[in-house]
Amino acid sequence: MFNFNRDIRSNVEVEFTIYSTARVVWIVAIVTSVVCGLQVFGKIALNDATAIHRNNNFQTFLAAVMVLFRVSKPIHLHVLTIKRCRFLQQFPVARG
């Protein structure tokens, strides 16, 4: 016999498990990237005249997390679409 409530509950539990696992994998990937960044870029000297300054470095764990967070945010995607539109404007489409 088909038990509708049991099947819905089962699907919700499966979705919750998948999302929880994805979150854990994402956190592990971020922490791994931070630790690798600390090891590779942690000893670079800070200079306010360059892009590596006190707000943009890998010298501490928190600073490295903030750098990776800023890099992962898609705030400049509109620039790509503007460039693509300008590129496509060079090739007029025949409409008829």
C-alpha atoms as a PDB file:
ATOM      1  CA  MET A   1       0.000   0.000   0.000  1.00  0.00           C
ATOM      2  CA  PHE A   2       1.213   3.511  -0.809  1.00  0.00           C
ATOM      3  CA  ASN A   3       1.874   5.650   2.259  1.00  0.00           C
ATOM      4  CA  PHE A   4       2.046   9.233   0.992  1.00  0.00           C
ATOM      5  CA  ASN A   5       3.202  10.834   4.258  1.00  0.00           C
ATOM      6  CA  ARG A   6       6.025   8.356   4.716  1.00  0.00           C
ATOM      7  CA  ASP A   7       7.310   8.863   1.161  1.00  0.00           C
ATOM      8  CA  ILE A   8       7.301  12.668   1.460  1.00  0.00           C
ATOM      9  CA  ARG A   9       9.120  12.478   4.764  1.00  0.00           C
ATOM     10  CA  SER A  10      11.679  10.157   3.191  1.00  0.00           C
ATOM     11  CA  ASN A  11      12.307  12.587   0.313  1.00  0.00           C
ATOM     12  CA  VAL A  12      12.734  15.487   2.727  1.00  0.00           C
ATOM     13  CA  GLU A  13      15.248  13.499   4.723  1.00  0.00           C
ATOM     14  CA  VAL A  14      17.214  12.638   1.587  1.00  0.00           C
ATOM     15  CA  GLU A  15      17.261  16.283   0.476  1.00  0.00           C
ATOM     16  CA  PHE A  16      18.383  17.384   3.941  1.00  0.00           C
ATOM     17  CA  THR A  17      21.187  14.822   3.890  1.00  0.00           C
ATOM     18  CA  ILE A  18      22.356  15.948   0.452  1.00  0.00           C
ATOM     19  CA  TYR A  19      22.322  19.638   1.411  1.00  0.00           C
ATOM     20  CA  SER A  20      24.103  18.957   4.690  1.00  0.00           C
ATOM     21  CA  THR A  21      26.787  16.952   2.933  1.00  0.00           C
ATOM     22  CA  ALA A  22      27.224  19.684   0.313  1.00  0.00           C
ATOM     23  CA  ARG A  23      27.635  22.301   3.036  1.00  0.00           C
ATOM     24  CA  VAL A  24      30.267  20.237   4.819  1.00  0.00           C
ATOM     25  CA  VAL A  25      32.171  19.666   1.569  1.00  0.00           C
ATOM     26  CA  TRP A  26      32.014  23.421   0.806  1.00  0.00           C
ATOM     27  CA  ILE A  27      33.347  24.325   4.270  1.00  0.00           C
ATOM     28  CA  VAL A  28      36.163  21.778   3.973  1.00  0.00           C
ATOM     29  CA  ALA A  29      37.078  23.200   0.555  1.00  0.00           C
ATOM     30  CA  ILE A  30      37.187  26.758   1.932  1.00  0.00           C
ATOM     31  CA  VAL A  31      39.297  25.772   4.946  1.00  0.00           C
ATOM     32  CA  THR A  32      41.662  23.804   2.709  1.00  0.00           C
ATOM     33  CA  SER A  33      42.026  26.806   0.384  1.00  0.00           C
ATOM     34  CA  VAL A  34      42.697  29.088   3.335  1.00  0.00           C
ATOM     35  CA  VAL A  35      45.368  26.802   4.758  1.00  0.00           C
ATOM     36  CA  CYS A  36      47.042  26.433   1.347  1.00  0.00           C
ATOM     37  CA  GLY A  37      46.923  30.211   0.880  1.00  0.00           C
ATOM     38  CA  LEU A  38      48.497  30.721   4.300  1.00  0.00           C
ATOM     39  CA  GLN A  39      51.313  28.339   3.410  1.00  0.00           C
ATOM     40  CA  VAL A  40      51.988  29.735  -0.065  1.00  0.00           C
ATOM     41  CA  PHE A  41      51.284  33.474   0.314  1.00  0.00           C
ATOM     42  CA  GLY A  42      51.643  34.041   4.051  1.00  0.00           C
ATOM     43  CA  LYS A  43      55.231  35.303   3.992  1.00  0.00           C
ATOM     44  CA  ILE A  44      54.822  37.988   1.318  1.00  0.00           C
ATOM     45  CA  ALA A  45      55.700  41.435   2.654  1.00  0.00           C
ATOM     46  CA  LEU A  46      52.886  43.968   2.910  1.00  0.00           C
ATOM     47  CA  ASN A  47      53.177  47.172   0.903  1.00  0.00           C
ATOM     48  CA  ASP A  48      50.443  49.818   0.737  1.00  0.00           C
ATOM     49  CA  ALA A  49      51.560  50.818  -2.771  1.00  0.00           C
ATOM     50  CA  THR A  50      50.704  47.372  -4.156  1.00  0.00           C
ATOM     51  CA  ALA A  51      47.610  45.173  -4.098  1.00  0.00           C
ATOM     52  CA  ILE A  52      48.990  43.225  -1.130  1.00  0.00           C
ATOM     53  CA  HIS A  53      48.271  45.499   1.829  1.00  0.00           C
ATOM     54  CA  ARG A  54      46.850  45.155   5.345  1.00  0.00           C
ATOM     55  CA  ASN A  55      43.297  44.481   4.076  1.00  0.00           C
ATOM     56  CA  ASN A  56      44.271  42.031   1.350  1.00  0.00           C
ATOM     57  CA  ASN A  57      46.701  39.377   2.556  1.00  0.00           C
ATOM     58  CA  PHE A  58      47.063  35.783   3.700  1.00  0.00           C
ATOM     59  CA  GLN A  59      49.065  36.394   6.862  1.00  0.00           C
ATOM     60  CA  THR A  60      46.332  35.347   9.301  1.00  0.00           C
ATOM     61  CA  PHE A  61      43.523  32.828   9.050  1.00  0.00           C
ATOM     62  CA  LEU A  62      40.784  35.475   9.301  1.00  0.00           C
ATOM     63  CA  ALA A  63      42.416  37.699   6.663  1.00  0.00           C
ATOM     64  CA  ALA A  64      42.707  34.719   4.317  1.00  0.00           C
ATOM     65  CA  VAL A  65      39.027  33.848   4.827  1.00  0.00           C
ATOM     66  CA  MET A  66      38.055  37.444   4.041  1.00  0.00           C
ATOM     67  CA  VAL A  67      40.166  37.443   0.864  1.00  0.00           C
ATOM     68  CA  LEU A  68      38.561  34.206  -0.326  1.00  0.00           C
ATOM     69  CA  PHE A  69      35.102  35.548   0.520  1.00  0.00           C
ATOM     70  CA  ARG A  70      35.731  38.710  -1.507  1.00  0.00           C
ATOM     71  CA  VAL A  71      37.043  36.668  -4.424  1.00  0.00           C
ATOM     72  CA  SER A  72      34.066  34.316  -4.408  1.00  0.00           C
ATOM     73  CA  LYS A  73      31.409  37.062  -4.535  1.00  0.00           C
ATOM     74  CA  PRO A  74      30.151  37.676  -8.088  1.00  0.00           C
ATOM     75  CA  ILE A  75      30.049  41.478  -7.857  1.00  0.00           C
ATOM     76  CA  HIS A  76      31.712  42.176 -11.195  1.00  0.00           C
ATOM     77  CA  LEU A  77      29.603  39.957 -13.425  1.00  0.00           C
ATOM     78  CA  HIS A  78      27.910  42.994 -14.974  1.00  0.00           C
ATOM     79  CA  VAL A  79      31.285  44.003 -16.440  1.00  0.00           C
ATOM     80  CA  LEU A  80      31.436  40.740 -18.361  1.00  0.00           C
ATOM     81  CA  THR A  81      27.946  41.226 -19.754  1.00  0.00           C
ATOM     82  CA  ILE A  82      28.741  44.800 -20.819  1.00  0.00           C
ATOM     83  CA  LYS A  83      31.884  43.635 -22.635  1.00  0.00           C
ATOM     84  CA  ARG A  84      29.930  40.841 -24.294  1.00  0.00           C
ATOM     85  CA  CYS A  85      27.238  43.283 -25.456  1.00  0.00           C
ATOM     86  CA  ARG A  86      29.864  45.623 -26.906  1.00  0.00           C
ATOM     87  CA  PHE A  87      31.466  42.682 -28.672  1.00  0.00           C
ATOM     88  CA  LEU A  88      28.159  41.531 -30.113  1.00  0.00           C
ATOM     89  CA  GLN A  89      27.312  45.052 -31.310  1.00  0.00           C
ATOM     90  CA  GLN A  90      30.192  44.784 -33.769  1.00  0.00           C
ATOM     91  CA  PHE A  91      28.294  42.111 -35.669  1.00  0.00           C
ATOM     92  CA  PRO A  92      24.883  43.399 -36.734  1.00  0.00           C
ATOM     93  CA  VAL A  93      22.161  40.828 -37.125  1.00  0.00           C
ATOM     94  CA  ALA A  94      20.119  40.931 -40.308  1.00  0.00           C
ATOM     95  CA  ARG A  95      16.454  41.177 -39.391  1.00  0.00           C
ATOM     96  CA  GLY A  96      13.910  40.698 -42.020  1.00  0.00           C
END
